[in-house]
Amino acid sequence: NIVIYVTSKYREADPNLSTQFTLIVFPATLAVGSITMQLGAQMMDYIGPRTQAVLGGIIFSTSIYLAQFTTSFSAFIALYAVSAGVGFGIVYFLPLLCAWTYFPNRRNLVAGFILCAFSLNAILMSHVTTHIINPNNEKADIRV
């Protein structure tokens, strides 16, 4: 949803940056997150869910916050895709594992609710991020 804005920001430093290439950031975030989900699933037994949630949340939010200050697209990828993907992966399975612990006979039901909430959050947050980045719904004045 924010690809056009990311491309516009980093096109100043690299005029050859294309929107199609910028799209790589978001699958890369999911790929890194998927790899670190395995780590996150194992961490709960060692550091506890509360510490894990705080650790993953700090890594994720700090990475996203610092990504706004980068001046190169490669630094943006390192922070937004790699670091934020690690934070995302650490906490992704945490709600499922906690719910399965408290509702061992209703694992499918609680998993469905949690994954539905994840999906609804993605849908709603796409509108929120667009409103934050482009609150007046301004159109581009330069055609590429």
N, C-alpha and C. Protein backbone atom coordinates (compact mmCIF):
# COMPACT_ATOMS: atom_id res chain seq x y z
N ASN A 1 0.81 -1.20 0.00
CA ASN A 1 0.00 0.00 0.00
C ASN A 1 0.86 1.27 0.00
N ILE A 2 2.04 1.18 0.57
CA ILE A 2 2.89 2.37 0.65
C ILE A 2 4.06 2.31 -0.33
N VAL A 3 4.03 1.37 -1.24
CA VAL A 3 5.15 1.18 -2.18
C VAL A 3 5.42 2.45 -2.99
N ILE A 4 4.38 3.09 -3.46
CA ILE A 4 4.58 4.29 -4.29
C ILE A 4 5.28 5.39 -3.51
N TYR A 5 4.99 5.50 -2.23
CA TYR A 5 5.61 6.53 -1.40
C TYR A 5 7.07 6.18 -1.08
N VAL A 6 7.33 4.91 -0.84
CA VAL A 6 8.71 4.47 -0.60
C VAL A 6 9.55 4.70 -1.84
N THR A 7 9.00 4.33 -2.99
CA THR A 7 9.73 4.53 -4.25
C THR A 7 10.02 6.01 -4.47
N SER A 8 9.04 6.85 -4.22
CA SER A 8 9.23 8.29 -4.42
C SER A 8 10.33 8.84 -3.52
N LYS A 9 10.37 8.37 -2.28
CA LYS A 9 11.39 8.87 -1.34
C LYS A 9 12.79 8.51 -1.79
N TYR A 10 13.01 7.27 -2.19
CA TYR A 10 14.36 6.82 -2.51
C TYR A 10 14.73 7.06 -3.97
N ARG A 11 13.79 7.50 -4.78
CA ARG A 11 14.10 7.82 -6.17
C ARG A 11 14.95 9.08 -6.26
N GLU A 12 14.92 9.93 -5.24
CA GLU A 12 15.77 11.12 -5.23
C GLU A 12 17.24 10.73 -5.23
N ALA A 13 17.60 9.71 -4.47
CA ALA A 13 18.99 9.25 -4.41
C ALA A 13 19.32 8.30 -5.56
N ASP A 14 18.34 7.53 -6.02
CA ASP A 14 18.55 6.57 -7.11
C ASP A 14 17.44 6.74 -8.13
N PRO A 15 17.66 7.56 -9.17
CA PRO A 15 16.61 7.83 -10.15
C PRO A 15 16.14 6.59 -10.93
N ASN A 16 16.93 5.53 -10.93
CA ASN A 16 16.56 4.32 -11.67
C ASN A 16 15.72 3.35 -10.84
N LEU A 17 15.42 3.69 -9.60
CA LEU A 17 14.63 2.82 -8.75
C LEU A 17 13.20 2.74 -9.28
N SER A 18 12.73 1.53 -9.46
CA SER A 18 11.38 1.36 -10.01
C SER A 18 10.42 0.85 -8.94
N THR A 19 9.16 1.08 -9.18
CA THR A 19 8.13 0.61 -8.26
C THR A 19 8.14 -0.91 -8.21
N GLN A 20 8.39 -1.55 -9.33
CA GLN A 20 8.43 -3.02 -9.37
C GLN A 20 9.55 -3.55 -8.49
N PHE A 21 10.71 -2.88 -8.49
CA PHE A 21 11.81 -3.33 -7.65
C PHE A 21 11.52 -3.06 -6.17
N THR A 22 10.87 -1.96 -5.89
CA THR A 22 10.53 -1.62 -4.51
C THR A 22 9.60 -2.64 -3.90
N LEU A 23 8.81 -3.30 -4.70
CA LEU A 23 7.89 -4.32 -4.19
C LEU A 23 8.61 -5.47 -3.49
N ILE A 24 9.91 -5.64 -3.72
CA ILE A 24 10.67 -6.74 -3.12
C ILE A 24 10.74 -6.62 -1.60
N VAL A 25 10.58 -5.42 -1.09
CA VAL A 25 10.72 -5.20 0.36
C VAL A 25 9.68 -6.00 1.14
N PHE A 26 8.47 -6.02 0.70
CA PHE A 26 7.40 -6.61 1.49
C PHE A 26 7.44 -8.14 1.47
N PRO A 27 7.70 -8.80 0.34
CA PRO A 27 7.91 -10.26 0.41
C PRO A 27 9.17 -10.62 1.19
N ALA A 28 10.19 -9.76 1.14
CA ALA A 28 11.40 -10.03 1.92
C ALA A 28 11.10 -9.98 3.41
N THR A 29 10.25 -9.05 3.83
CA THR A 29 9.85 -8.97 5.24
C THR A 29 9.16 -10.26 5.66
N LEU A 30 8.27 -10.74 4.82
CA LEU A 30 7.56 -11.99 5.13
C LEU A 30 8.50 -13.19 5.13
N ALA A 31 9.46 -13.20 4.23
CA ALA A 31 10.42 -14.31 4.17
C ALA A 31 11.28 -14.35 5.43
N VAL A 32 11.82 -13.20 5.82
CA VAL A 32 12.63 -13.14 7.05
C VAL A 32 11.76 -13.49 8.26
N GLY A 33 10.53 -12.98 8.28
CA GLY A 33 9.61 -13.30 9.37
C GLY A 33 9.31 -14.79 9.44
N SER A 34 9.13 -15.41 8.30
CA SER A 34 8.84 -16.85 8.26
C SER A 34 10.00 -17.68 8.78
N ILE A 35 11.21 -17.25 8.48
CA ILE A 35 12.39 -17.96 8.97
C ILE A 35 12.51 -17.81 10.48
N THR A 36 12.30 -16.60 10.98
CA THR A 36 12.46 -16.38 12.41
C THR A 36 11.25 -16.83 13.23
N MET A 37 10.15 -17.19 12.58
CA MET A 37 9.02 -17.75 13.31
C MET A 37 9.43 -19.04 14.02
N GLN A 38 10.32 -19.78 13.40
CA GLN A 38 10.79 -21.03 14.02
C GLN A 38 11.51 -20.72 15.34
N LEU A 39 12.32 -19.67 15.32
CA LEU A 39 13.01 -19.23 16.53
C LEU A 39 12.00 -18.76 17.56
N GLY A 40 11.02 -17.97 17.12
CA GLY A 40 10.00 -17.45 18.04
C GLY A 40 9.19 -18.55 18.70
N ALA A 41 8.90 -19.60 17.97
CA ALA A 41 8.13 -20.71 18.53
C ALA A 41 8.91 -21.42 19.63
N GLN A 42 10.22 -21.44 19.53
CA GLN A 42 11.06 -22.09 20.54
C GLN A 42 11.38 -21.18 21.72
N MET A 43 11.38 -19.86 21.49
CA MET A 43 11.79 -18.91 22.53
C MET A 43 10.84 -18.87 23.72
N MET A 44 9.57 -19.12 23.51
CA MET A 44 8.58 -18.99 24.58
C MET A 44 8.92 -19.88 25.77
N ASP A 45 9.45 -21.06 25.51
CA ASP A 45 9.80 -21.98 26.59
C ASP A 45 10.99 -21.49 27.40
N TYR A 46 11.84 -20.66 26.80
CA TYR A 46 13.06 -20.23 27.48
C TYR A 46 12.95 -18.87 28.15
N ILE A 47 12.29 -17.90 27.51
CA ILE A 47 12.26 -16.56 28.10
C ILE A 47 10.87 -16.13 28.54
N GLY A 48 9.86 -16.90 28.22
CA GLY A 48 8.50 -16.58 28.63
C GLY A 48 7.81 -15.67 27.62
N PRO A 49 6.48 -15.75 27.56
CA PRO A 49 5.74 -15.00 26.54
C PRO A 49 5.80 -13.48 26.72
N ARG A 50 5.81 -13.00 27.95
CA ARG A 50 5.81 -11.56 28.17
C ARG A 50 7.13 -10.94 27.69
N THR A 51 8.23 -11.53 28.08
CA THR A 51 9.54 -11.03 27.66
C THR A 51 9.69 -11.14 26.15
N GLN A 52 9.21 -12.22 25.59
CA GLN A 52 9.29 -12.42 24.14
C GLN A 52 8.47 -11.37 23.40
N ALA A 53 7.28 -11.08 23.89
CA ALA A 53 6.44 -10.07 23.24
C ALA A 53 7.09 -8.69 23.30
N VAL A 54 7.67 -8.36 24.43
CA VAL A 54 8.35 -7.06 24.56
C VAL A 54 9.57 -7.01 23.65
N LEU A 55 10.36 -8.06 23.64
CA LEU A 55 11.56 -8.10 22.80
C LEU A 55 11.21 -7.98 21.32
N GLY A 56 10.27 -8.78 20.87
CA GLY A 56 9.86 -8.72 19.46
C GLY A 56 9.25 -7.39 19.10
N GLY A 57 8.43 -6.85 19.99
CA GLY A 57 7.81 -5.55 19.74
C GLY A 57 8.84 -4.43 19.65
N ILE A 58 9.84 -4.47 20.51
CA ILE A 58 10.90 -3.45 20.47
C ILE A 58 11.70 -3.56 19.18
N ILE A 59 12.07 -4.77 18.81
CA ILE A 59 12.83 -4.95 17.57
C ILE A 59 12.02 -4.46 16.37
N PHE A 60 10.76 -4.87 16.30
CA PHE A 60 9.91 -4.50 15.17
C PHE A 60 9.69 -2.99 15.09
N SER A 61 9.23 -2.41 16.18
CA SER A 61 8.88 -0.98 16.14
C SER A 61 10.11 -0.09 16.00
N THR A 62 11.21 -0.45 16.61
CA THR A 62 12.43 0.34 16.46
C THR A 62 12.93 0.29 15.02
N SER A 63 12.85 -0.87 14.41
CA SER A 63 13.28 -1.01 13.02
C SER A 63 12.43 -0.16 12.08
N ILE A 64 11.13 -0.20 12.26
CA ILE A 64 10.23 0.59 11.42
C ILE A 64 10.47 2.07 11.65
N TYR A 65 10.67 2.47 12.91
CA TYR A 65 10.91 3.87 13.23
C TYR A 65 12.21 4.35 12.60
N LEU A 66 13.28 3.57 12.73
CA LEU A 66 14.57 3.98 12.18
C LEU A 66 14.58 3.96 10.65
N ALA A 67 13.74 3.15 10.04
CA ALA A 67 13.69 3.07 8.58
C ALA A 67 13.31 4.39 7.94
N GLN A 68 12.55 5.21 8.65
CA GLN A 68 12.14 6.49 8.07
C GLN A 68 13.31 7.46 7.91
N PHE A 69 14.39 7.25 8.64
CA PHE A 69 15.52 8.16 8.58
C PHE A 69 16.59 7.73 7.58
N THR A 70 16.41 6.60 6.94
CA THR A 70 17.42 6.12 5.99
C THR A 70 17.41 6.97 4.73
N THR A 71 18.58 7.06 4.11
CA THR A 71 18.70 7.85 2.88
C THR A 71 18.95 6.97 1.67
N SER A 72 19.18 5.69 1.87
CA SER A 72 19.38 4.78 0.75
C SER A 72 18.37 3.64 0.83
N PHE A 73 18.04 3.11 -0.32
CA PHE A 73 17.06 2.03 -0.39
C PHE A 73 17.60 0.76 0.25
N SER A 74 18.89 0.50 0.14
CA SER A 74 19.47 -0.70 0.74
C SER A 74 19.40 -0.64 2.27
N ALA A 75 19.61 0.54 2.85
CA ALA A 75 19.47 0.68 4.30
C ALA A 75 18.00 0.49 4.71
N PHE A 76 17.09 0.98 3.88
CA PHE A 76 15.67 0.79 4.15
C PHE A 76 15.33 -0.70 4.15
N ILE A 77 15.86 -1.45 3.18
CA ILE A 77 15.62 -2.89 3.13
C ILE A 77 16.17 -3.57 4.38
N ALA A 78 17.38 -3.16 4.80
CA ALA A 78 17.98 -3.77 5.98
C ALA A 78 17.13 -3.56 7.22
N LEU A 79 16.59 -2.37 7.38
CA LEU A 79 15.78 -2.09 8.57
C LEU A 79 14.35 -2.58 8.42
N TYR A 80 13.71 -2.24 7.31
CA TYR A 80 12.28 -2.53 7.16
C TYR A 80 12.04 -4.01 6.87
N ALA A 81 12.86 -4.61 6.05
CA ALA A 81 12.63 -6.01 5.68
C ALA A 81 13.31 -6.97 6.64
N VAL A 82 14.58 -6.75 6.90
CA VAL A 82 15.33 -7.74 7.68
C VAL A 82 15.06 -7.58 9.18
N SER A 83 15.37 -6.41 9.73
CA SER A 83 15.22 -6.23 11.18
C SER A 83 13.76 -6.32 11.62
N ALA A 84 12.87 -5.64 10.91
CA ALA A 84 11.46 -5.70 11.27
C ALA A 84 10.91 -7.11 11.06
N GLY A 85 11.41 -7.82 10.05
CA GLY A 85 11.01 -9.20 9.83
C GLY A 85 11.40 -10.11 10.98
N VAL A 86 12.56 -9.85 11.58
CA VAL A 86 12.98 -10.62 12.76
C VAL A 86 12.03 -10.36 13.92
N GLY A 87 11.71 -9.10 14.17
CA GLY A 87 10.78 -8.78 15.25
C GLY A 87 9.40 -9.38 15.02
N PHE A 88 8.93 -9.30 13.78
CA PHE A 88 7.64 -9.87 13.40
C PHE A 88 7.64 -11.38 13.60
N GLY A 89 8.71 -12.04 13.19
CA GLY A 89 8.78 -13.49 13.31
C GLY A 89 8.83 -13.97 14.74
N ILE A 90 9.50 -13.20 15.60
CA ILE A 90 9.61 -13.59 17.00
C ILE A 90 8.24 -13.62 17.68
N VAL A 91 7.36 -12.71 17.33
CA VAL A 91 6.08 -12.61 18.03
C VAL A 91 4.90 -13.23 17.29
N TYR A 92 5.07 -13.66 16.05
CA TYR A 92 3.92 -14.09 15.26
C TYR A 92 3.19 -15.27 15.88
N PHE A 93 3.91 -16.30 16.28
CA PHE A 93 3.26 -17.50 16.83
C PHE A 93 2.90 -17.37 18.31
N LEU A 94 3.35 -16.33 18.95
CA LEU A 94 3.14 -16.17 20.38
C LEU A 94 1.66 -16.22 20.79
N PRO A 95 0.75 -15.47 20.14
CA PRO A 95 -0.66 -15.57 20.53
C PRO A 95 -1.24 -16.97 20.33
N LEU A 96 -0.81 -17.63 19.27
CA LEU A 96 -1.30 -18.99 19.02
C LEU A 96 -0.83 -19.94 20.11
N LEU A 97 0.44 -19.88 20.44
CA LEU A 97 0.97 -20.79 21.45
C LEU A 97 0.33 -20.55 22.82
N CYS A 98 0.13 -19.29 23.17
CA CYS A 98 -0.53 -18.98 24.45
C CYS A 98 -1.98 -19.46 24.45
N ALA A 99 -2.68 -19.22 23.36
CA ALA A 99 -4.08 -19.65 23.28
C ALA A 99 -4.20 -21.17 23.32
N TRP A 100 -3.30 -21.85 22.63
CA TRP A 100 -3.34 -23.31 22.65
C TRP A 100 -3.04 -23.86 24.04
N THR A 101 -2.24 -23.14 24.82
CA THR A 101 -1.95 -23.57 26.19
C THR A 101 -3.20 -23.47 27.06
N TYR A 102 -3.97 -22.40 26.89
CA TYR A 102 -5.16 -22.19 27.72
C TYR A 102 -6.38 -22.93 27.20
N PHE A 103 -6.43 -23.22 25.91
CA PHE A 103 -7.58 -23.91 25.32
C PHE A 103 -7.11 -25.13 24.52
N PRO A 104 -6.58 -26.15 25.19
CA PRO A 104 -6.03 -27.30 24.45
C PRO A 104 -7.07 -28.09 23.68
N ASN A 105 -8.32 -28.04 24.09
CA ASN A 105 -9.38 -28.78 23.40
C ASN A 105 -10.03 -27.96 22.29
N ARG A 106 -9.70 -26.69 22.17
CA ARG A 106 -10.28 -25.79 21.17
C ARG A 106 -9.20 -25.15 20.31
N ARG A 107 -8.17 -25.88 20.00
CA ARG A 107 -7.03 -25.31 19.27
C ARG A 107 -7.44 -24.75 17.92
N ASN A 108 -8.27 -25.46 17.18
CA ASN A 108 -8.68 -24.98 15.86
C ASN A 108 -9.51 -23.70 15.94
N LEU A 109 -10.40 -23.63 16.91
CA LEU A 109 -11.25 -22.46 17.06
C LEU A 109 -10.43 -21.22 17.41
N VAL A 110 -9.55 -21.32 18.40
CA VAL A 110 -8.77 -20.14 18.78
C VAL A 110 -7.78 -19.76 17.69
N ALA A 111 -7.24 -20.74 16.98
CA ALA A 111 -6.35 -20.42 15.86
C ALA A 111 -7.11 -19.67 14.78
N GLY A 112 -8.31 -20.06 14.50
CA GLY A 112 -9.13 -19.36 13.51
C GLY A 112 -9.42 -17.93 13.90
N PHE A 113 -9.77 -17.71 15.18
CA PHE A 113 -10.02 -16.35 15.65
C PHE A 113 -8.76 -15.48 15.56
N ILE A 114 -7.65 -16.02 16.00
CA ILE A 114 -6.40 -15.24 16.00
C ILE A 114 -5.96 -14.91 14.59
N LEU A 115 -5.98 -15.86 13.69
CA LEU A 115 -5.56 -15.62 12.32
C LEU A 115 -6.53 -14.70 11.59
N CYS A 116 -7.81 -14.77 11.93
CA CYS A 116 -8.79 -13.84 11.37
C CYS A 116 -8.49 -12.42 11.85
N ALA A 117 -8.14 -12.27 13.12
CA ALA A 117 -7.78 -10.94 13.65
C ALA A 117 -6.53 -10.40 12.97
N PHE A 118 -5.54 -11.26 12.70
CA PHE A 118 -4.34 -10.82 11.98
C PHE A 118 -4.72 -10.28 10.61
N SER A 119 -5.60 -10.98 9.92
CA SER A 119 -6.00 -10.56 8.57
C SER A 119 -6.79 -9.27 8.59
N LEU A 120 -7.72 -9.15 9.52
CA LEU A 120 -8.50 -7.91 9.63
C LEU A 120 -7.60 -6.72 9.96
N ASN A 121 -6.59 -6.95 10.79
CA ASN A 121 -5.64 -5.90 11.12
C ASN A 121 -4.91 -5.42 9.87
N ALA A 122 -4.48 -6.34 9.03
CA ALA A 122 -3.78 -5.95 7.80
C ALA A 122 -4.68 -5.12 6.89
N ILE A 123 -5.93 -5.51 6.78
CA ILE A 123 -6.87 -4.77 5.94
C ILE A 123 -7.09 -3.37 6.48
N LEU A 124 -7.34 -3.27 7.78
CA LEU A 124 -7.61 -1.96 8.39
C LEU A 124 -6.37 -1.06 8.39
N MET A 125 -5.22 -1.63 8.69
CA MET A 125 -4.01 -0.81 8.79
C MET A 125 -3.56 -0.28 7.43
N SER A 126 -3.91 -0.93 6.34
CA SER A 126 -3.55 -0.39 5.03
C SER A 126 -4.23 0.96 4.81
N HIS A 127 -5.45 1.08 5.27
CA HIS A 127 -6.16 2.36 5.15
C HIS A 127 -5.58 3.41 6.10
N VAL A 128 -5.20 2.98 7.29
CA VAL A 128 -4.62 3.91 8.27
C VAL A 128 -3.28 4.43 7.78
N THR A 129 -2.42 3.55 7.26
CA THR A 129 -1.11 4.01 6.79
C THR A 129 -1.24 4.94 5.60
N THR A 130 -2.17 4.67 4.72
CA THR A 130 -2.38 5.58 3.59
C THR A 130 -2.84 6.94 4.08
N HIS A 131 -3.71 6.96 5.07
CA HIS A 131 -4.19 8.23 5.61
C HIS A 131 -3.07 9.00 6.31
N ILE A 132 -2.17 8.29 6.97
CA ILE A 132 -1.04 8.95 7.64
C ILE A 132 -0.08 9.52 6.62
N ILE A 133 0.23 8.74 5.58
CA ILE A 133 1.22 9.17 4.59
C ILE A 133 0.66 10.22 3.65
N ASN A 134 -0.58 10.07 3.23
CA ASN A 134 -1.18 10.97 2.25
C ASN A 134 -2.58 11.38 2.74
N PRO A 135 -2.65 12.22 3.78
CA PRO A 135 -3.95 12.51 4.39
C PRO A 135 -4.92 13.25 3.48
N ASN A 136 -4.42 14.04 2.54
CA ASN A 136 -5.30 14.80 1.65
C ASN A 136 -5.56 14.10 0.33
N ASN A 137 -5.09 12.86 0.19
CA ASN A 137 -5.25 12.06 -1.02
C ASN A 137 -4.77 12.82 -2.26
N GLU A 138 -3.58 13.41 -2.13
CA GLU A 138 -3.02 14.18 -3.24
C GLU A 138 -2.55 13.24 -4.33
N LYS A 139 -2.74 13.65 -5.57
CA LYS A 139 -2.30 12.89 -6.72
C LYS A 139 -0.87 13.30 -7.09
N ALA A 140 -0.16 12.42 -7.72
CA ALA A 140 1.20 12.72 -8.15
C ALA A 140 1.18 13.79 -9.24
N ASP A 141 2.14 14.70 -9.17
CA ASP A 141 2.18 15.76 -10.18
C ASP A 141 3.25 15.50 -11.24
N ILE A 142 4.04 14.46 -11.07
CA ILE A 142 5.06 14.08 -12.05
C ILE A 142 4.72 12.70 -12.58
N ARG A 143 4.62 12.58 -13.86
CA ARG A 143 4.31 11.29 -14.48
C ARG A 143 5.62 10.61 -14.85
N VAL A 144 5.77 9.35 -14.40
CA VAL A 144 6.99 8.59 -14.69
C VAL A 144 6.67 7.50 -15.69
